[in-house]
């Protein structure tokens, strides 16, 4: 499933296969992005405190050296995209 939405966070979408999926941007400095749903594992992306923040990027950076990701609490590898979507949009691939 791929969903591109220009809604403010938190946002959710309904998918025929995966059910409801929500995206939340958390933290005092918008440093934590959580994607969760009925039939998908919870994915959490966290920006490192020392990362330089770009206001045009939802979580503040696309630099993988400054991002960590977990899938259902297990560490994973993150490969941020180039951000070719419109501003205030995000894409979630499951």
PDB file of N, CA and C in Angstrom:
ATOM      1  N   UNK A   1       0.835  -1.173   0.000  1.00  0.00           N
ATOM      2  CA  UNK A   1       0.000   0.000   0.000  1.00  0.00           C
ATOM      3  C   UNK A   1       0.877   1.232   0.000  1.00  0.00           C
ATOM      4  N   UNK A   2       0.527   2.203  -0.781  1.00  0.00           N
ATOM      5  CA  UNK A   2       1.179   3.498  -0.755  1.00  0.00           C
ATOM      6  C   UNK A   2       0.104   4.544  -0.572  1.00  0.00           C
ATOM      7  N   UNK A   3       0.289   5.425   0.399  1.00  0.00           N
ATOM      8  CA  UNK A   3      -0.672   6.492   0.651  1.00  0.00           C
ATOM      9  C   UNK A   3       0.066   7.808   0.720  1.00  0.00           C
ATOM     10  N   UNK A   4      -0.367   8.769  -0.049  1.00  0.00           N
ATOM     11  CA  UNK A   4       0.205  10.097  -0.008  1.00  0.00           C
ATOM     12  C   UNK A   4      -0.902  11.036   0.420  1.00  0.00           C
ATOM     13  N   UNK A   5      -0.713  11.674   1.557  1.00  0.00           N
ATOM     14  CA  UNK A   5      -1.757  12.490   2.144  1.00  0.00           C
ATOM     15  C   UNK A   5      -1.194  13.839   2.546  1.00  0.00           C
ATOM     16  N   UNK A   6      -1.985  14.903   2.400  1.00  0.00           N
ATOM     17  CA  UNK A   6      -1.516  16.218   2.818  1.00  0.00           C
ATOM     18  C   UNK A   6      -2.268  16.700   4.052  1.00  0.00           C
ATOM     19  N   UNK A   7      -2.607  15.800   4.933  1.00  0.00           N
ATOM     20  CA  UNK A   7      -3.300  16.149   6.164  1.00  0.00           C
ATOM     21  C   UNK A   7      -2.283  16.484   7.248  1.00  0.00           C
ATOM     22  N   UNK A   8      -2.653  17.343   8.184  1.00  0.00           N
ATOM     23  CA  UNK A   8      -1.741  17.582   9.311  1.00  0.00           C
ATOM     24  C   UNK A   8      -1.642  16.328  10.169  1.00  0.00           C
ATOM     25  N   UNK A   9      -0.504  16.163  10.812  1.00  0.00           N
ATOM     26  CA  UNK A   9      -0.320  15.012  11.686  1.00  0.00           C
ATOM     27  C   UNK A   9      -0.932  15.302  13.043  1.00  0.00           C
ATOM     28  N   UNK A  10      -1.523  14.386  13.766  1.00  0.00           N
ATOM     29  CA  UNK A  10      -1.682  12.986  13.389  1.00  0.00           C
ATOM     30  C   UNK A  10      -2.705  12.822  12.272  1.00  0.00           C
ATOM     31  N   UNK A  11      -2.511  11.794  11.501  1.00  0.00           N
ATOM     32  CA  UNK A  11      -3.415  11.508  10.386  1.00  0.00           C
ATOM     33  C   UNK A  11      -3.633  10.010  10.322  1.00  0.00           C
ATOM     34  N   UNK A  12      -4.697   9.614   9.647  1.00  0.00           N
ATOM     35  CA  UNK A  12      -4.937   8.188   9.465  1.00  0.00           C
ATOM     36  C   UNK A  12      -5.577   7.960   8.110  1.00  0.00           C
ATOM     37  N   UNK A  13      -5.461   6.723   7.663  1.00  0.00           N
ATOM     38  CA  UNK A  13      -6.066   6.319   6.407  1.00  0.00           C
ATOM     39  C   UNK A  13      -6.594   4.904   6.583  1.00  0.00           C
ATOM     40  N   UNK A  14      -7.513   4.527   5.748  1.00  0.00           N
ATOM     41  CA  UNK A  14      -8.082   3.181   5.792  1.00  0.00           C
ATOM     42  C   UNK A  14      -7.633   2.441   4.540  1.00  0.00           C
ATOM     43  N   UNK A  15      -7.097   1.234   4.720  1.00  0.00           N
ATOM     44  CA  UNK A  15      -6.639   0.411   3.612  1.00  0.00           C
ATOM     45  C   UNK A  15      -7.436  -0.886   3.621  1.00  0.00           C
ATOM     46  N   UNK A  16      -7.865  -1.344   2.445  1.00  0.00           N
ATOM     47  CA  UNK A  16      -8.671  -2.564   2.353  1.00  0.00           C
ATOM     48  C   UNK A  16      -7.967  -3.781   2.951  1.00  0.00           C
ATOM     49  N   UNK A  17      -6.662  -3.865   2.782  1.00  0.00           N
ATOM     50  CA  UNK A  17      -5.913  -5.027   3.257  1.00  0.00           C
ATOM     51  C   UNK A  17      -5.392  -4.846   4.684  1.00  0.00           C
ATOM     52  N   UNK A  18      -4.817  -3.672   4.982  1.00  0.00           N
ATOM     53  CA  UNK A  18      -4.157  -3.446   6.270  1.00  0.00           C
ATOM     54  C   UNK A  18      -5.044  -2.783   7.317  1.00  0.00           C
ATOM     55  N   UNK A  19      -6.228  -2.346   6.953  1.00  0.00           N
ATOM     56  CA  UNK A  19      -7.111  -1.680   7.913  1.00  0.00           C
ATOM     57  C   UNK A  19      -6.686  -0.240   8.151  1.00  0.00           C
ATOM     58  N   UNK A  20      -7.052   0.297   9.310  1.00  0.00           N
ATOM     59  CA  UNK A  20      -6.717   1.681   9.627  1.00  0.00           C
ATOM     60  C   UNK A  20      -5.231   1.799   9.966  1.00  0.00           C
ATOM     61  N   UNK A  21      -4.596   2.810   9.390  1.00  0.00           N
ATOM     62  CA  UNK A  21      -3.184   3.094   9.637  1.00  0.00           C
ATOM     63  C   UNK A  21      -3.091   4.540  10.094  1.00  0.00           C
ATOM     64  N   UNK A  22      -2.376   4.761  11.195  1.00  0.00           N
ATOM     65  CA  UNK A  22      -2.227   6.130  11.684  1.00  0.00           C
ATOM     66  C   UNK A  22      -0.762   6.540  11.684  1.00  0.00           C
ATOM     67  N   UNK A  23      -0.545   7.842  11.509  1.00  0.00           N
ATOM     68  CA  UNK A  23       0.787   8.438  11.514  1.00  0.00           C
ATOM     69  C   UNK A  23       0.754   9.581  12.513  1.00  0.00           C
ATOM     70  N   UNK A  24       1.661   9.540  13.487  1.00  0.00           N
ATOM     71  CA  UNK A  24       1.718  10.578  14.511  1.00  0.00           C
ATOM     72  C   UNK A  24       3.131  11.126  14.615  1.00  0.00           C
ATOM     73  N   UNK A  25       3.245  12.438  14.721  1.00  0.00           N
ATOM     74  CA  UNK A  25       4.519  13.101  14.954  1.00  0.00           C
ATOM     75  C   UNK A  25       4.520  13.542  16.409  1.00  0.00           C
ATOM     76  N   UNK A  26       5.442  13.005  17.187  1.00  0.00           N
ATOM     77  CA  UNK A  26       5.443  13.209  18.632  1.00  0.00           C
ATOM     78  C   UNK A  26       6.722  13.893  19.102  1.00  0.00           C
ATOM     79  N   UNK A  27       6.706  14.322  20.328  1.00  0.00           N
ATOM     80  CA  UNK A  27       7.880  14.924  20.948  1.00  0.00           C
ATOM     81  C   UNK A  27       7.813  16.437  20.913  1.00  0.00           C
ATOM     82  N   UNK A  28       8.443  17.036  21.890  1.00  0.00           N
ATOM     83  CA  UNK A  28       8.457  18.493  22.008  1.00  0.00           C
ATOM     84  C   UNK A  28       9.053  19.159  20.770  1.00  0.00           C
ATOM     85  N   UNK A  29      10.014  18.491  20.139  1.00  0.00           N
ATOM     86  CA  UNK A  29      10.687  19.040  18.960  1.00  0.00           C
ATOM     87  C   UNK A  29      10.360  18.254  17.692  1.00  0.00           C
ATOM     88  N   UNK A  30       9.221  17.567  17.678  1.00  0.00           N
ATOM     89  CA  UNK A  30       8.774  16.778  16.522  1.00  0.00           C
ATOM     90  C   UNK A  30       9.850  15.797  16.072  1.00  0.00           C
ATOM     91  N   UNK A  31      10.437  15.104  17.037  1.00  0.00           N
ATOM     92  CA  UNK A  31      11.566  14.227  16.739  1.00  0.00           C
ATOM     93  C   UNK A  31      11.207  12.749  16.639  1.00  0.00           C
ATOM     94  N   UNK A  32       9.934  12.420  16.790  1.00  0.00           N
ATOM     95  CA  UNK A  32       9.537  11.009  16.793  1.00  0.00           C
ATOM     96  C   UNK A  32       8.308  10.821  15.909  1.00  0.00           C
ATOM     97  N   UNK A  33       8.422   9.938  14.925  1.00  0.00           N
ATOM     98  CA  UNK A  33       7.332   9.634  14.009  1.00  0.00           C
ATOM     99  C   UNK A  33       6.908   8.188  14.247  1.00  0.00           C
ATOM    100  N   UNK A  34       5.620   7.972  14.495  1.00  0.00           N
ATOM    101  CA  UNK A  34       5.111   6.631  14.784  1.00  0.00           C
ATOM    102  C   UNK A  34       4.030   6.281  13.766  1.00  0.00           C
ATOM    103  N   UNK A  35       4.204   5.137  13.111  1.00  0.00           N
ATOM    104  CA  UNK A  35       3.215   4.607  12.169  1.00  0.00           C
ATOM    105  C   UNK A  35       2.701   3.306  12.774  1.00  0.00           C
ATOM    106  N   UNK A  36       1.383   3.199  12.919  1.00  0.00           N
ATOM    107  CA  UNK A  36       0.813   1.994  13.523  1.00  0.00           C
ATOM    108  C   UNK A  36      -0.520   1.680  12.866  1.00  0.00           C
ATOM    109  N   UNK A  37      -0.971   0.467  13.057  1.00  0.00           N
ATOM    110  CA  UNK A  37      -2.240   0.088  12.463  1.00  0.00           C
ATOM    111  C   UNK A  37      -2.742  -1.242  12.970  1.00  0.00           C
ATOM    112  N   UNK A  38      -3.943  -1.570  12.516  1.00  0.00           N
ATOM    113  CA  UNK A  38      -4.603  -2.801  12.942  1.00  0.00           C
ATOM    114  C   UNK A  38      -3.809  -4.051  12.572  1.00  0.00           C
ATOM    115  N   UNK A  39      -3.277  -4.074  11.353  1.00  0.00           N
ATOM    116  CA  UNK A  39      -2.620  -5.281  10.860  1.00  0.00           C
ATOM    117  C   UNK A  39      -1.212  -5.011  10.339  1.00  0.00           C
ATOM    118  N   UNK A  40      -0.535  -4.026  10.931  1.00  0.00           N
ATOM    119  CA  UNK A  40       0.873  -3.778  10.597  1.00  0.00           C
ATOM    120  C   UNK A  40       1.650  -3.629  11.903  1.00  0.00           C
ATOM    121  N   UNK A  41       2.945  -3.921  11.880  1.00  0.00           N
ATOM    122  CA  UNK A  41       3.744  -3.694  13.083  1.00  0.00           C
ATOM    123  C   UNK A  41       3.915  -2.188  13.305  1.00  0.00           C
ATOM    124  N   UNK A  42       4.102  -1.795  14.550  1.00  0.00           N
ATOM    125  CA  UNK A  42       4.346  -0.386  14.853  1.00  0.00           C
ATOM    126  C   UNK A  42       5.769  -0.031  14.454  1.00  0.00           C
ATOM    127  N   UNK A  43       5.897   1.038  13.679  1.00  0.00           N
ATOM    128  CA  UNK A  43       7.195   1.525  13.228  1.00  0.00           C
ATOM    129  C   UNK A  43       7.435   2.880  13.878  1.00  0.00           C
ATOM    130  N   UNK A  44       8.603   3.036  14.500  1.00  0.00           N
ATOM    131  CA  UNK A  44       8.958   4.288  15.157  1.00  0.00           C
ATOM    132  C   UNK A  44      10.275   4.792  14.585  1.00  0.00           C
ATOM    133  N   UNK A  45      10.276   6.037  14.126  1.00  0.00           N
ATOM    134  CA  UNK A  45      11.482   6.690  13.619  1.00  0.00           C
ATOM    135  C   UNK A  45      11.786   7.844  14.564  1.00  0.00           C
ATOM    136  N   UNK A  46      13.046   7.919  15.020  1.00  0.00           N
ATOM    137  CA  UNK A  46      13.445   8.957  15.966  1.00  0.00           C
ATOM    138  C   UNK A  46      14.650   9.709  15.414  1.00  0.00           C
ATOM    139  N   UNK A  47      14.561  11.047  15.467  1.00  0.00           N
ATOM    140  CA  UNK A  47      15.671  11.906  15.053  1.00  0.00           C
ATOM    141  C   UNK A  47      16.595  12.131  16.244  1.00  0.00           C
ATOM    142  N   UNK A  48      17.897  12.039  16.014  1.00  0.00           N
ATOM    143  CA  UNK A  48      18.889  12.265  17.064  1.00  0.00           C
ATOM    144  C   UNK A  48      18.860  13.727  17.511  1.00  0.00           C
ATOM    145  N   UNK A  49      19.079  13.984  18.803  1.00  0.00           N
ATOM    146  CA  UNK A  49      19.028  15.352  19.319  1.00  0.00           C
ATOM    147  C   UNK A  49      20.038  16.290  18.669  1.00  0.00           C
ATOM    148  N   UNK A  50      21.179  15.768  18.242  1.00  0.00           N
ATOM    149  CA  UNK A  50      22.219  16.624  17.657  1.00  0.00           C
ATOM    150  C   UNK A  50      22.009  16.920  16.172  1.00  0.00           C
ATOM    151  N   UNK A  51      20.999  16.346  15.560  1.00  0.00           N
ATOM    152  CA  UNK A  51      20.758  16.530  14.121  1.00  0.00           C
ATOM    153  C   UNK A  51      20.341  17.963  13.813  1.00  0.00           C
ATOM    154  N   UNK A  52      20.881  18.484  12.729  1.00  0.00           N
ATOM    155  CA  UNK A  52      20.441  19.785  12.230  1.00  0.00           C
ATOM    156  C   UNK A  52      19.042  19.596  11.655  1.00  0.00           C
ATOM    157  N   UNK A  53      18.118  20.484  12.010  1.00  0.00           N
ATOM    158  CA  UNK A  53      16.715  20.323  11.635  1.00  0.00           C
ATOM    159  C   UNK A  53      16.380  21.159  10.407  1.00  0.00           C
ATOM    160  N   UNK A  54      15.770  20.504   9.417  1.00  0.00           N
ATOM    161  CA  UNK A  54      15.257  21.168   8.219  1.00  0.00           C
ATOM    162  C   UNK A  54      13.738  21.233   8.358  1.00  0.00           C
ATOM    163  N   UNK A  55      13.191  22.435   8.430  1.00  0.00           N
ATOM    164  CA  UNK A  55      11.747  22.608   8.631  1.00  0.00           C
ATOM    165  C   UNK A  55      10.903  22.080   7.482  1.00  0.00           C
ATOM    166  N   UNK A  56      11.499  21.819   6.324  1.00  0.00           N
ATOM    167  CA  UNK A  56      10.758  21.307   5.175  1.00  0.00           C
ATOM    168  C   UNK A  56      10.598  19.788   5.213  1.00  0.00           C
ATOM    169  N   UNK A  57      11.208  19.151   6.198  1.00  0.00           N
ATOM    170  CA  UNK A  57      11.145  17.699   6.339  1.00  0.00           C
ATOM    171  C   UNK A  57      10.375  17.394   7.621  1.00  0.00           C
ATOM    172  N   UNK A  58       9.348  16.561   7.520  1.00  0.00           N
ATOM    173  CA  UNK A  58       8.451  16.316   8.652  1.00  0.00           C
ATOM    174  C   UNK A  58       9.212  15.972   9.931  1.00  0.00           C
ATOM    175  N   UNK A  59      10.142  15.036   9.872  1.00  0.00           N
ATOM    176  CA  UNK A  59      10.885  14.652  11.074  1.00  0.00           C
ATOM    177  C   UNK A  59      12.166  15.468  11.233  1.00  0.00           C
ATOM    178  N   UNK A  60      12.457  16.352  10.295  1.00  0.00           N
ATOM    179  CA  UNK A  60      13.572  17.279  10.446  1.00  0.00           C
ATOM    180  C   UNK A  60      14.837  16.944   9.694  1.00  0.00           C
ATOM    181  N   UNK A  61      15.010  15.686   9.261  1.00  0.00           N
ATOM    182  CA  UNK A  61      16.206  15.298   8.517  1.00  0.00           C
ATOM    183  C   UNK A  61      15.930  14.035   7.708  1.00  0.00           C
ATOM    184  N   UNK A  62      16.674  13.878   6.624  1.00  0.00           N
ATOM    185  CA  UNK A  62      16.658  12.627   5.858  1.00  0.00           C
ATOM    186  C   UNK A  62      17.998  11.909   5.979  1.00  0.00           C
ATOM    187  N   UNK A  63      18.881  12.443   6.808  1.00  0.00           N
ATOM    188  CA  UNK A  63      20.209  11.867   6.984  1.00  0.00           C
ATOM    189  C   UNK A  63      20.100  10.611   7.857  1.00  0.00           C
ATOM    190  N   UNK A  64      20.365   9.431   7.293  1.00  0.00           N
ATOM    191  CA  UNK A  64      20.201   8.196   8.063  1.00  0.00           C
ATOM    192  C   UNK A  64      21.135   8.105   9.270  1.00  0.00           C
ATOM    193  N   UNK A  65      22.216   8.899   9.282  1.00  0.00           N
ATOM    194  CA  UNK A  65      23.122   8.900  10.445  1.00  0.00           C
ATOM    195  C   UNK A  65      22.447   9.510  11.671  1.00  0.00           C
ATOM    196  N   UNK A  66      21.385  10.292  11.438  1.00  0.00           N
ATOM    197  CA  UNK A  66      20.695  10.972  12.533  1.00  0.00           C
ATOM    198  C   UNK A  66      19.296  10.419  12.774  1.00  0.00           C
ATOM    199  N   UNK A  67      19.003   9.262  12.204  1.00  0.00           N
ATOM    200  CA  UNK A  67      17.691   8.643  12.378  1.00  0.00           C
ATOM    201  C   UNK A  67      17.855   7.204  12.839  1.00  0.00           C
ATOM    202  N   UNK A  68      16.978   6.785  13.733  1.00  0.00           N
ATOM    203  CA  UNK A  68      16.905   5.372  14.100  1.00  0.00           C
ATOM    204  C   UNK A  68      15.482   4.904  13.828  1.00  0.00           C
ATOM    205  N   UNK A  69      15.346   3.625  13.536  1.00  0.00           N
ATOM    206  CA  UNK A  69      14.031   3.061  13.255  1.00  0.00           C
ATOM    207  C   UNK A  69      13.892   1.737  13.994  1.00  0.00           C
ATOM    208  N   UNK A  70      12.702   1.518  14.532  1.00  0.00           N
ATOM    209  CA  UNK A  70      12.375   0.221  15.116  1.00  0.00           C
ATOM    210  C   UNK A  70      11.065  -0.266  14.513  1.00  0.00           C
ATOM    211  N   UNK A  71      10.959  -1.578  14.372  1.00  0.00           N
ATOM    212  CA  UNK A  71       9.743  -2.224  13.886  1.00  0.00           C
ATOM    213  C   UNK A  71       9.310  -3.185  14.984  1.00  0.00           C
ATOM    214  N   UNK A  72       8.185  -2.881  15.599  1.00  0.00           N
ATOM    215  CA  UNK A  72       7.716  -3.635  16.773  1.00  0.00           C
ATOM    216  C   UNK A  72       8.809  -3.754  17.836  1.00  0.00           C
ATOM    217  N   UNK A  73       9.550  -2.676  18.044  1.00  0.00           N
ATOM    218  CA  UNK A  73      10.577  -2.633  19.082  1.00  0.00           C
ATOM    219  C   UNK A  73      11.927  -3.184  18.684  1.00  0.00           C
ATOM    220  N   UNK A  74      12.038  -3.769  17.498  1.00  0.00           N
ATOM    221  CA  UNK A  74      13.303  -4.334  17.023  1.00  0.00           C
ATOM    222  C   UNK A  74      14.005  -3.332  16.114  1.00  0.00           C
ATOM    223  N   UNK A  75      15.325  -3.148  16.290  1.00  0.00           N
ATOM    224  CA  UNK A  75      16.091  -2.246  15.435  1.00  0.00           C
ATOM    225  C   UNK A  75      16.013  -2.687  13.981  1.00  0.00           C
ATOM    226  N   UNK A  76      15.987  -1.716  13.085  1.00  0.00           N
ATOM    227  CA  UNK A  76      15.936  -1.987  11.647  1.00  0.00           C
ATOM    228  C   UNK A  76      16.822  -0.966  10.936  1.00  0.00           C
ATOM    229  N   UNK A  77      16.992  -1.142   9.635  1.00  0.00           N
ATOM    230  CA  UNK A  77      17.779  -0.225   8.815  1.00  0.00           C
ATOM    231  C   UNK A  77      16.841   0.746   8.129  1.00  0.00           C
ATOM    232  N   UNK A  78      17.207   2.018   8.152  1.00  0.00           N
ATOM    233  CA  UNK A  78      16.384   3.041   7.506  1.00  0.00           C
ATOM    234  C   UNK A  78      17.120   3.585   6.285  1.00  0.00           C
ATOM    235  N   UNK A  79      16.376   3.748   5.201  1.00  0.00           N
ATOM    236  CA  UNK A  79      16.912   4.306   3.960  1.00  0.00           C
ATOM    237  C   UNK A  79      15.971   5.414   3.506  1.00  0.00           C
ATOM    238  N   UNK A  80      16.147   6.630   4.034  1.00  0.00           N
ATOM    239  CA  UNK A  80      15.235   7.733   3.682  1.00  0.00           C
ATOM    240  C   UNK A  80      15.260   8.041   2.192  1.00  0.00           C
ATOM    241  N   UNK A  81      14.086   8.395   1.666  1.00  0.00           N
ATOM    242  CA  UNK A  81      13.982   8.788   0.268  1.00  0.00           C
ATOM    243  C   UNK A  81      14.450  10.214   0.059  1.00  0.00           C
ATOM    244  N   UNK A  82      14.422  10.636  -1.188  1.00  0.00           N
ATOM    245  CA  UNK A  82      14.893  11.971  -1.542  1.00  0.00           C
ATOM    246  C   UNK A  82      13.855  13.054  -1.300  1.00  0.00           C
ATOM    247  N   UNK A  83      12.662  12.682  -0.936  1.00  0.00           N
ATOM    248  CA  UNK A  83      11.652  13.688  -0.620  1.00  0.00           C
ATOM    249  C   UNK A  83      11.072  14.381  -1.829  1.00  0.00           C
ATOM    250  N   UNK A  84      10.717  13.641  -2.844  1.00  0.00           N
ATOM    251  CA  UNK A  84      10.198  14.239  -4.074  1.00  0.00           C
ATOM    252  C   UNK A  84       8.708  14.532  -4.010  1.00  0.00           C
ATOM    253  N   UNK A  85       8.073  14.231  -2.890  1.00  0.00           N
ATOM    254  CA  UNK A  85       6.650  14.517  -2.751  1.00  0.00           C
ATOM    255  C   UNK A  85       6.453  15.996  -2.452  1.00  0.00           C
ATOM    256  N   UNK A  86       5.211  16.442  -2.554  1.00  0.00           N
ATOM    257  CA  UNK A  86       4.900  17.836  -2.237  1.00  0.00           C
ATOM    258  C   UNK A  86       5.119  18.107  -0.756  1.00  0.00           C
ATOM    259  N   UNK A  87       5.290  19.381  -0.426  1.00  0.00           N
ATOM    260  CA  UNK A  87       5.419  19.759   0.979  1.00  0.00           C
ATOM    261  C   UNK A  87       4.173  19.331   1.737  1.00  0.00           C
ATOM    262  N   UNK A  88       4.345  19.087   3.017  1.00  0.00           N
ATOM    263  CA  UNK A  88       3.264  18.677   3.911  1.00  0.00           C
ATOM    264  C   UNK A  88       2.636  17.351   3.489  1.00  0.00           C
ATOM    265  N   UNK A  89       3.392  16.510   2.811  1.00  0.00           N
ATOM    266  CA  UNK A  89       2.905  15.181   2.460  1.00  0.00           C
ATOM    267  C   UNK A  89       3.864  14.150   3.037  1.00  0.00           C
ATOM    268  N   UNK A  90       3.417  12.954   3.102  1.00  0.00           N
ATOM    269  CA  UNK A  90       4.271  11.863   3.513  1.00  0.00           C
ATOM    270  C   UNK A  90       3.821  10.623   2.774  1.00  0.00           C
ATOM    271  N   UNK A  91       4.692   9.651   2.711  1.00  0.00           N
ATOM    272  CA  UNK A  91       4.386   8.417   2.012  1.00  0.00           C
ATOM    273  C   UNK A  91       4.736   7.267   2.943  1.00  0.00           C
ATOM    274  N   UNK A  92       3.873   6.314   2.988  1.00  0.00           N
ATOM    275  CA  UNK A  92       4.104   5.133   3.814  1.00  0.00           C
ATOM    276  C   UNK A  92       3.994   3.916   2.916  1.00  0.00           C
ATOM    277  N   UNK A  93       5.058   3.126   2.826  1.00  0.00           N
ATOM    278  CA  UNK A  93       5.037   1.870   2.074  1.00  0.00           C
ATOM    279  C   UNK A  93       5.013   0.733   3.083  1.00  0.00           C
ATOM    280  N   UNK A  94       4.086  -0.194   2.895  1.00  0.00           N
ATOM    281  CA  UNK A  94       4.006  -1.356   3.775  1.00  0.00           C
ATOM    282  C   UNK A  94       4.290  -2.590   2.941  1.00  0.00           C
TER     283      UNK A  94
END
